[in-house]
Amino acid sequence: MEKTKTNPEIVEESLVDDAEAVVEEENALTAEDQLQETTDDAEEEETSKAKWYVIHTYSGHENKVKVNIEKLVENRGMQDLIHEVVVPTEDRVEIKDGQRKIKTRKMFPGYVLVKMIVTNESWYLVRNTQGVTGFVGHGSEPVPLTDEEVRRMGIEKIFIKLDIAPGDSIKVINGPFESFMGVVEEVNFDKQTLKVRISMFGRDTPVELEFGQVDKI
C-alpha cells in the first residue's frame, strides 16, 4: 500500500525543488554573464588591433574618397575591420581689414586617414576605392601611424600626461593659434584642456586649448 505523504514532507520537497530551480537559474545567469564578458573582451581586443593608416588620393578628391569608402564598408558589412575614415582639417586665423576670421582648410591635401584592421579584404577595399592611389608605407605594405603622430594630428583623443600648472609658459604647436606663445591660467586634467592667455597684436586673448596642442617651455 502506497504511503501518503504528510504536509511537512510535501513542503520540504517543494522547498528543495525551488532551491534547485534557483541554483539552475543562477548558473544560467553566470554562464550568460561569462559569455557576455568574453564577447566584450573580444570586441575590445579587435578594436585595439585597429591602427590609423594614411592613404594617398587624387588632389581635391579627399572628401569623395571618404564618402566612397564609408559606403563600401556599410554595403559589405565591414565595420568590424574599417572603423573610421577622416579628412583632417584645421581652423586658421586670418586677419583682413582689421577683422579676425577663422577659415577651415585641409591639413594634408591629397591624403585621407583610415582607422582599420589590415586584412587582405580590408586592404583590397580601400586600395581599390575610386580616387585612391595607394597606401603610405614601404612598397605595398601599409605602415600605421604611431601614437605620437596620431596625437600630434589631433585625429583621436589620447590621454596625455602633461606636467603643467597655472603660470607656466607654453607654445601652441597646432591649431589656429599655432606658433603663438601663452601663459596658462587654468588646467583641467579630467578634460585635458587648458585656459591660456595668448598675446595677439599687442592684446591678451584668452583661449581654451587641448593638452595635445601645446608644448611647455
Foldseek 3Di string as FASTA:
>chain_A
DDDDDDPVVVVVVVVVVVVVVVVVVVVVVVVVVVVVVVVVVVLVVLLVLWFKWKFFFDFPCQVVLQVQLVVVCVVVVVCSFWPHKAQQKFWAWDADPNDTDIDIDGPDGRMIMTTGNDDPVSLVSSCPGPGTPATPDDDNDIDGDDPLVCLLSVPDDDQDDDPDDFQFKKAFCDHHRHRWIWTFHHADNVQQKTWTFTQDPNDTDTDIGHVSGIDTD
